[in-house]
Amino acid sequence: MNTLPGHITCKDISYGYSKKSLALEHFSHEFNPGIILLKGFSGCGKSTLLRLLAGFLKPSSGTLNTPNGKPYRNLEFQRNELGFVFQQLNLLPLASLQRNLEIAGAFSGLSGKALKACIEEWLRTLGLEDFNNRMPSTLSGGQQQRAAIARALIKSPTYAFFDEPTSGLDDLNTQVIINTLRNFSDSSRFIIIASHDARLEVIADEIIDFNIRLPLEGHLASLV
């Protein structure tokens, strides 16, 4: 499998958190721009693949290439081109929502009027404009999830990765996130979502079913 312009290429990637157990085994795929949904049970490797694609983990074996040719474990790439929403959200606890967005934007090179305009846009888009001075601990779980998405998208990343972005959300708040990701998507962006939430399938250009392709935890295997 050759790396082609405009693709993320994974070739025979494996990763294990221990030598005896692989979380991801011999995974090969060529990702096109668009919205890609990685769906499957907990423990089947979705989050591991997302972290590998982001460069937060290094494959135990195999190769991974980004379209621009930069190493996937590259700080410049992560700061400027990657937006990532973790399951744990990882908002800065001692900074207001606005300050969280300012720091994320500043790290990617935004400043002044451009940063202010981007913050206002994402707060408005995600229904957070009345909470900009609030600390993360005073926000509801749904508000924190939307805040984490705003922080990931503030720099208009080419690569936007989301780990369970709608977990625990009601249908209306999920629809806000669906609309946001649909509108953010274009022909040059890679939006990759790891989730077991079937409501996200309506916006997916491609669905990769990890229940079929990847190893399953033993206590789940008998249920499939």
C-alpha atoms as a PDB file:
ATOM      1  CA  MET A   1       0.000   0.000   0.000  1.00  0.00           C
ATOM      2  CA  ASN A   2       1.599   3.275  -1.103  1.00  0.00           C
ATOM      3  CA  THR A   3       1.065   6.654   0.521  1.00  0.00           C
ATOM      4  CA  LEU A   4      -0.955   8.850  -1.832  1.00  0.00           C
ATOM      5  CA  PRO A   5      -1.423  12.616  -1.587  1.00  0.00           C
ATOM      6  CA  GLY A   6      -4.491  13.415   0.471  1.00  0.00           C
ATOM      7  CA  HIS A   7      -4.555  10.153   2.429  1.00  0.00           C
ATOM      8  CA  ILE A   8      -3.619   8.885   5.880  1.00  0.00           C
ATOM      9  CA  THR A   9      -2.065   5.471   5.369  1.00  0.00           C
ATOM     10  CA  CYS A  10      -1.820   2.776   8.029  1.00  0.00           C
ATOM     11  CA  LYS A  11       0.028  -0.379   7.071  1.00  0.00           C
ATOM     12  CA  ASP A  12       0.011  -3.456   9.304  1.00  0.00           C
ATOM     13  CA  ILE A  13      -0.079  -1.440  12.542  1.00  0.00           C
ATOM     14  CA  SER A  14      -0.076  -3.199  15.898  1.00  0.00           C
ATOM     15  CA  TYR A  15       0.063  -1.740  19.379  1.00  0.00           C
ATOM     16  CA  GLY A  16       0.084  -3.272  22.840  1.00  0.00           C
ATOM     17  CA  TYR A  17      -0.090  -1.634  26.244  1.00  0.00           C
ATOM     18  CA  SER A  18       1.749  -4.729  27.457  1.00  0.00           C
ATOM     19  CA  LYS A  19       3.886  -7.356  25.716  1.00  0.00           C
ATOM     20  CA  LYS A  20       1.252 -10.036  26.271  1.00  0.00           C
ATOM     21  CA  SER A  21      -1.797  -8.170  25.022  1.00  0.00           C
ATOM     22  CA  LEU A  22      -2.326  -6.240  21.777  1.00  0.00           C
ATOM     23  CA  ALA A  23      -4.976  -3.510  21.765  1.00  0.00           C
ATOM     24  CA  LEU A  24      -4.595  -3.176  17.991  1.00  0.00           C
ATOM     25  CA  GLU A  25      -3.384  -5.947  15.721  1.00  0.00           C
ATOM     26  CA  HIS A  26      -2.257  -5.823  12.052  1.00  0.00           C
ATOM     27  CA  PHE A  27      -4.477  -2.894  11.104  1.00  0.00           C
ATOM     28  CA  SER A  28      -4.178  -1.540   7.554  1.00  0.00           C
ATOM     29  CA  HIS A  29      -6.333   1.172   6.067  1.00  0.00           C
ATOM     30  CA  GLU A  30      -6.169   4.232   3.838  1.00  0.00           C
ATOM     31  CA  PHE A  31      -8.206   7.135   5.194  1.00  0.00           C
ATOM     32  CA  ASN A  32      -9.675   9.683   2.775  1.00  0.00           C
ATOM     33  CA  PRO A  33     -10.695  13.199   3.818  1.00  0.00           C
ATOM     34  CA  GLY A  34     -14.191  13.378   5.231  1.00  0.00           C
ATOM     35  CA  ILE A  35     -15.963  12.107   8.331  1.00  0.00           C
ATOM     36  CA  ILE A  36     -14.884   8.608   9.339  1.00  0.00           C
ATOM     37  CA  LEU A  37     -16.637   6.788  12.186  1.00  0.00           C
ATOM     38  CA  LEU A  38     -14.744   4.095  14.080  1.00  0.00           C
ATOM     39  CA  LYS A  39     -17.510   2.151  15.789  1.00  0.00           C
ATOM     40  CA  GLY A  40     -17.365  -0.760  18.175  1.00  0.00           C
ATOM     41  CA  PHE A  41     -17.573  -2.029  21.714  1.00  0.00           C
ATOM     42  CA  SER A  42     -15.378  -0.697  24.497  1.00  0.00           C
ATOM     43  CA  GLY A  43     -11.972  -2.355  24.445  1.00  0.00           C
ATOM     44  CA  CYS A  44     -11.882  -3.138  20.728  1.00  0.00           C
ATOM     45  CA  GLY A  45      -9.115  -0.659  19.833  1.00  0.00           C
ATOM     46  CA  LYS A  46     -10.914   2.486  18.616  1.00  0.00           C
ATOM     47  CA  SER A  47      -9.305   4.876  21.079  1.00  0.00           C
ATOM     48  CA  THR A  48      -5.903   3.266  20.619  1.00  0.00           C
ATOM     49  CA  LEU A  49      -6.048   3.837  16.863  1.00  0.00           C
ATOM     50  CA  LEU A  50      -7.134   7.444  17.374  1.00  0.00           C
ATOM     51  CA  ARG A  51      -4.146   8.091  19.650  1.00  0.00           C
ATOM     52  CA  LEU A  52      -1.802   6.426  17.172  1.00  0.00           C
ATOM     53  CA  LEU A  53      -3.126   8.602  14.354  1.00  0.00           C
ATOM     54  CA  ALA A  54      -2.593  11.683  16.532  1.00  0.00           C
ATOM     55  CA  GLY A  55       0.973  10.687  17.339  1.00  0.00           C
ATOM     56  CA  PHE A  56       0.346  10.290  21.070  1.00  0.00           C
ATOM     57  CA  LEU A  57       1.351   6.616  20.822  1.00  0.00           C
ATOM     58  CA  LYS A  58       4.009   4.931  18.707  1.00  0.00           C
ATOM     59  CA  PRO A  59       3.064   1.692  16.903  1.00  0.00           C
ATOM     60  CA  SER A  60       4.703  -1.470  18.200  1.00  0.00           C
ATOM     61  CA  SER A  61       5.002  -2.465  14.547  1.00  0.00           C
ATOM     62  CA  GLY A  62       3.840  -1.268  11.140  1.00  0.00           C
ATOM     63  CA  THR A  63       3.927   2.164   9.508  1.00  0.00           C
ATOM     64  CA  LEU A  64       1.743   5.266   9.569  1.00  0.00           C
ATOM     65  CA  ASN A  65       2.044   8.201   7.167  1.00  0.00           C
ATOM     66  CA  THR A  66       0.289  11.576   7.056  1.00  0.00           C
ATOM     67  CA  PRO A  67      -0.595  13.252   3.723  1.00  0.00           C
ATOM     68  CA  ASN A  68       1.812  16.155   4.203  1.00  0.00           C
ATOM     69  CA  GLY A  69       4.763  13.859   4.811  1.00  0.00           C
ATOM     70  CA  LYS A  70       5.455  15.163   8.311  1.00  0.00           C
ATOM     71  CA  PRO A  71       6.238  12.574  10.981  1.00  0.00           C
ATOM     72  CA  TYR A  72       3.072  11.671  12.839  1.00  0.00           C
ATOM     73  CA  ARG A  73       4.881  12.183  16.169  1.00  0.00           C
ATOM     74  CA  ASN A  74       5.648  15.813  15.442  1.00  0.00           C
ATOM     75  CA  LEU A  75       4.983  18.640  17.902  1.00  0.00           C
ATOM     76  CA  GLU A  76       4.440  21.211  15.159  1.00  0.00           C
ATOM     77  CA  PHE A  77       1.877  18.926  13.521  1.00  0.00           C
ATOM     78  CA  GLN A  78       0.060  18.418  16.838  1.00  0.00           C
ATOM     79  CA  ARG A  79       0.018  22.126  17.710  1.00  0.00           C
ATOM     80  CA  ASN A  80      -0.965  23.535  14.329  1.00  0.00           C
ATOM     81  CA  GLU A  81      -2.848  20.870  12.401  1.00  0.00           C
ATOM     82  CA  LEU A  82      -4.397  18.535  14.973  1.00  0.00           C
ATOM     83  CA  GLY A  83      -7.516  19.013  17.076  1.00  0.00           C
ATOM     84  CA  PHE A  84      -8.200  16.227  19.574  1.00  0.00           C
ATOM     85  CA  VAL A  85     -11.056  15.635  22.019  1.00  0.00           C
ATOM     86  CA  PHE A  86     -10.265  13.053  24.688  1.00  0.00           C
ATOM     87  CA  GLN A  87     -12.887  11.025  26.518  1.00  0.00           C
ATOM     88  CA  GLN A  88     -11.654  12.724  29.706  1.00  0.00           C
ATOM     89  CA  LEU A  89     -11.993  16.120  27.911  1.00  0.00           C
ATOM     90  CA  ASN A  90      -8.816  17.469  29.629  1.00  0.00           C
ATOM     91  CA  LEU A  91      -9.971  21.071  29.930  1.00  0.00           C
ATOM     92  CA  LEU A  92      -7.562  23.159  32.005  1.00  0.00           C
ATOM     93  CA  PRO A  93      -9.279  23.170  35.417  1.00  0.00           C
ATOM     94  CA  LEU A  94      -7.904  26.507  36.676  1.00  0.00           C
ATOM     95  CA  ALA A  95      -8.695  28.444  33.484  1.00  0.00           C
ATOM     96  CA  SER A  96     -12.058  29.813  32.387  1.00  0.00           C
ATOM     97  CA  LEU A  97     -13.708  28.452  29.260  1.00  0.00           C
ATOM     98  CA  GLN A  98     -12.579  31.540  27.326  1.00  0.00           C
ATOM     99  CA  ARG A  99      -9.028  31.161  28.612  1.00  0.00           C
ATOM    100  CA  ASN A 100      -8.987  27.496  27.582  1.00  0.00           C
ATOM    101  CA  LEU A 101      -9.836  28.588  24.036  1.00  0.00           C
ATOM    102  CA  GLU A 102      -7.327  31.457  24.079  1.00  0.00           C
ATOM    103  CA  ILE A 103      -4.482  29.141  25.094  1.00  0.00           C
ATOM    104  CA  ALA A 104      -5.352  26.556  22.438  1.00  0.00           C
ATOM    105  CA  GLY A 105      -5.572  29.225  19.747  1.00  0.00           C
ATOM    106  CA  ALA A 106      -2.349  30.936  20.825  1.00  0.00           C
ATOM    107  CA  PHE A 107      -0.404  27.668  20.698  1.00  0.00           C
ATOM    108  CA  SER A 108      -1.423  27.268  17.068  1.00  0.00           C
ATOM    109  CA  GLY A 109      -0.350  30.798  16.147  1.00  0.00           C
ATOM    110  CA  LEU A 110      -3.661  32.672  16.330  1.00  0.00           C
ATOM    111  CA  SER A 111      -3.590  36.059  17.998  1.00  0.00           C
ATOM    112  CA  GLY A 112      -5.375  39.379  18.297  1.00  0.00           C
ATOM    113  CA  LYS A 113      -8.549  39.961  16.312  1.00  0.00           C
ATOM    114  CA  ALA A 114      -8.368  36.585  14.551  1.00  0.00           C
ATOM    115  CA  LEU A 115      -8.304  34.692  17.839  1.00  0.00           C
ATOM    116  CA  LYS A 116     -11.080  36.817  19.335  1.00  0.00           C
ATOM    117  CA  ALA A 117     -13.278  36.239  16.275  1.00  0.00           C
ATOM    118  CA  CYS A 118     -12.659  32.485  16.339  1.00  0.00           C
ATOM    119  CA  ILE A 119     -13.526  32.254  20.030  1.00  0.00           C
ATOM    120  CA  GLU A 120     -16.747  34.193  19.533  1.00  0.00           C
ATOM    121  CA  GLU A 121     -17.689  32.004  16.559  1.00  0.00           C
ATOM    122  CA  TRP A 122     -17.186  28.679  18.353  1.00  0.00           C
ATOM    123  CA  LEU A 123     -18.849  29.815  21.568  1.00  0.00           C
ATOM    124  CA  ARG A 124     -21.864  30.885  19.530  1.00  0.00           C
ATOM    125  CA  THR A 125     -21.885  27.753  17.334  1.00  0.00           C
ATOM    126  CA  LEU A 126     -21.827  25.429  20.337  1.00  0.00           C
ATOM    127  CA  GLY A 127     -24.203  27.439  22.497  1.00  0.00           C
ATOM    128  CA  LEU A 128     -21.588  28.462  25.056  1.00  0.00           C
ATOM    129  CA  GLU A 129     -21.524  32.243  24.737  1.00  0.00           C
ATOM    130  CA  ASP A 130     -23.151  32.702  28.185  1.00  0.00           C
ATOM    131  CA  PHE A 131     -20.524  30.535  29.885  1.00  0.00           C
ATOM    132  CA  ASN A 132     -17.261  32.012  28.611  1.00  0.00           C
ATOM    133  CA  ASN A 133     -16.135  33.195  32.059  1.00  0.00           C
ATOM    134  CA  ARG A 134     -17.070  29.994  33.862  1.00  0.00           C
ATOM    135  CA  MET A 135     -14.538  27.473  35.166  1.00  0.00           C
ATOM    136  CA  PRO A 136     -14.834  23.936  33.731  1.00  0.00           C
ATOM    137  CA  SER A 137     -15.879  22.482  37.097  1.00  0.00           C
ATOM    138  CA  THR A 138     -18.971  24.720  37.130  1.00  0.00           C
ATOM    139  CA  LEU A 139     -20.167  23.522  33.710  1.00  0.00           C
ATOM    140  CA  SER A 140     -22.471  20.579  33.146  1.00  0.00           C
ATOM    141  CA  GLY A 141     -21.075  17.445  31.513  1.00  0.00           C
ATOM    142  CA  GLY A 142     -22.653  18.375  28.192  1.00  0.00           C
ATOM    143  CA  GLN A 143     -21.285  21.915  28.358  1.00  0.00           C
ATOM    144  CA  GLN A 144     -17.813  20.569  29.088  1.00  0.00           C
ATOM    145  CA  GLN A 145     -18.045  18.245  26.065  1.00  0.00           C
ATOM    146  CA  ARG A 146     -19.020  21.130  23.806  1.00  0.00           C
ATOM    147  CA  ALA A 147     -16.250  23.262  25.321  1.00  0.00           C
ATOM    148  CA  ALA A 148     -13.692  20.564  24.520  1.00  0.00           C
ATOM    149  CA  ILE A 149     -14.958  20.453  20.930  1.00  0.00           C
ATOM    150  CA  ALA A 150     -14.697  24.241  20.650  1.00  0.00           C
ATOM    151  CA  ARG A 151     -11.121  24.080  21.925  1.00  0.00           C
ATOM    152  CA  ALA A 152     -10.222  21.376  19.386  1.00  0.00           C
ATOM    153  CA  LEU A 153     -11.699  23.302  16.458  1.00  0.00           C
ATOM    154  CA  ILE A 154     -10.497  26.803  17.396  1.00  0.00           C
ATOM    155  CA  LYS A 155      -7.463  26.487  15.112  1.00  0.00           C
ATOM    156  CA  SER A 156      -9.446  25.064  12.153  1.00  0.00           C
ATOM    157  CA  PRO A 157      -7.354  21.865  12.123  1.00  0.00           C
ATOM    158  CA  THR A 158      -6.868  19.690   9.076  1.00  0.00           C
ATOM    159  CA  TYR A 159      -7.043  16.655  11.376  1.00  0.00           C
ATOM    160  CA  ALA A 160      -9.865  16.629  13.952  1.00  0.00           C
ATOM    161  CA  PHE A 161     -10.119  13.485  16.089  1.00  0.00           C
ATOM    162  CA  PHE A 162     -12.884  12.835  18.619  1.00  0.00           C
ATOM    163  CA  ASP A 163     -13.065  10.091  21.244  1.00  0.00           C
ATOM    164  CA  GLU A 164     -16.711   9.484  22.250  1.00  0.00           C
ATOM    165  CA  PRO A 165     -17.777  13.133  21.708  1.00  0.00           C
ATOM    166  CA  THR A 166     -21.498  12.468  22.372  1.00  0.00           C
ATOM    167  CA  SER A 167     -21.209  10.044  25.279  1.00  0.00           C
ATOM    168  CA  GLY A 168     -24.060  10.635  27.721  1.00  0.00           C
ATOM    169  CA  LEU A 169     -25.624  13.463  25.711  1.00  0.00           C
ATOM    170  CA  ASP A 170     -29.339  13.774  24.957  1.00  0.00           C
ATOM    171  CA  ASP A 171     -30.600  13.872  21.384  1.00  0.00           C
ATOM    172  CA  LEU A 172     -30.754  17.681  21.130  1.00  0.00           C
ATOM    173  CA  ASN A 173     -27.193  18.249  22.318  1.00  0.00           C
ATOM    174  CA  THR A 174     -26.018  15.392  20.129  1.00  0.00           C
ATOM    175  CA  GLN A 175     -27.671  17.106  17.162  1.00  0.00           C
ATOM    176  CA  VAL A 176     -25.736  20.307  17.928  1.00  0.00           C
ATOM    177  CA  ILE A 177     -22.490  18.335  17.710  1.00  0.00           C
ATOM    178  CA  ILE A 178     -23.629  16.495  14.573  1.00  0.00           C
ATOM    179  CA  ASN A 179     -24.440  19.818  12.878  1.00  0.00           C
ATOM    180  CA  THR A 180     -21.116  21.294  14.010  1.00  0.00           C
ATOM    181  CA  LEU A 181     -19.053  18.428  12.596  1.00  0.00           C
ATOM    182  CA  ARG A 182     -21.074  18.308   9.379  1.00  0.00           C
ATOM    183  CA  ASN A 183     -20.520  22.027   8.799  1.00  0.00           C
ATOM    184  CA  PHE A 184     -16.828  21.814   9.704  1.00  0.00           C
ATOM    185  CA  SER A 185     -16.159  18.970   7.278  1.00  0.00           C
ATOM    186  CA  ASP A 186     -14.788  19.747   3.828  1.00  0.00           C
ATOM    187  CA  SER A 187     -12.825  18.027   1.066  1.00  0.00           C
ATOM    188  CA  SER A 188      -9.453  18.571   2.735  1.00  0.00           C
ATOM    189  CA  ARG A 189     -10.169  17.734   6.387  1.00  0.00           C
ATOM    190  CA  PHE A 190      -9.939  14.405   8.188  1.00  0.00           C
ATOM    191  CA  ILE A 191     -12.593  14.121  10.902  1.00  0.00           C
ATOM    192  CA  ILE A 192     -12.214  10.778  12.646  1.00  0.00           C
ATOM    193  CA  ILE A 193     -14.613   9.828  15.428  1.00  0.00           C
ATOM    194  CA  ALA A 194     -14.287   6.858  17.776  1.00  0.00           C
ATOM    195  CA  SER A 195     -17.726   6.079  19.173  1.00  0.00           C
ATOM    196  CA  HIS A 196     -20.317   3.419  19.883  1.00  0.00           C
ATOM    197  CA  ASP A 197     -23.084   6.021  19.337  1.00  0.00           C
ATOM    198  CA  ALA A 198     -25.176   4.975  16.321  1.00  0.00           C
ATOM    199  CA  ARG A 199     -26.643   8.501  16.087  1.00  0.00           C
ATOM    200  CA  LEU A 200     -23.366   9.659  14.512  1.00  0.00           C
ATOM    201  CA  GLU A 201     -23.683   7.300  11.558  1.00  0.00           C
ATOM    202  CA  VAL A 202     -25.848   9.797   9.644  1.00  0.00           C
ATOM    203  CA  ILE A 203     -22.868  12.124   9.029  1.00  0.00           C
ATOM    204  CA  ALA A 204     -20.237   9.466   8.331  1.00  0.00           C
ATOM    205  CA  ASP A 205     -18.712   9.266   4.865  1.00  0.00           C
ATOM    206  CA  GLU A 206     -17.146   5.979   5.952  1.00  0.00           C
ATOM    207  CA  ILE A 207     -17.817   3.595   8.849  1.00  0.00           C
ATOM    208  CA  ILE A 208     -15.152   1.187  10.082  1.00  0.00           C
ATOM    209  CA  ASP A 209     -16.694  -1.528  12.242  1.00  0.00           C
ATOM    210  CA  PHE A 210     -14.127  -2.593  14.833  1.00  0.00           C
ATOM    211  CA  ASN A 211     -16.447  -5.305  16.109  1.00  0.00           C
ATOM    212  CA  ILE A 212     -15.629  -7.203  12.916  1.00  0.00           C
ATOM    213  CA  ARG A 213     -12.058  -6.144  12.177  1.00  0.00           C
ATOM    214  CA  LEU A 214     -10.313  -6.073  15.543  1.00  0.00           C
ATOM    215  CA  PRO A 215      -9.817  -8.359  18.565  1.00  0.00           C
ATOM    216  CA  LEU A 216     -12.555  -8.185  21.200  1.00  0.00           C
ATOM    217  CA  GLU A 217     -12.203  -8.525  24.942  1.00  0.00           C
ATOM    218  CA  GLY A 218     -12.911 -12.079  26.032  1.00  0.00           C
ATOM    219  CA  HIS A 219     -16.000 -11.306  28.106  1.00  0.00           C
ATOM    220  CA  LEU A 220     -17.617  -9.674  25.026  1.00  0.00           C
ATOM    221  CA  ALA A 221     -16.660 -12.226  22.385  1.00  0.00           C
ATOM    222  CA  SER A 222     -19.368 -14.711  23.390  1.00  0.00           C
ATOM    223  CA  LEU A 223     -22.070 -12.054  22.873  1.00  0.00           C
ATOM    224  CA  VAL A 224     -21.285 -11.352  19.223  1.00  0.00           C
END
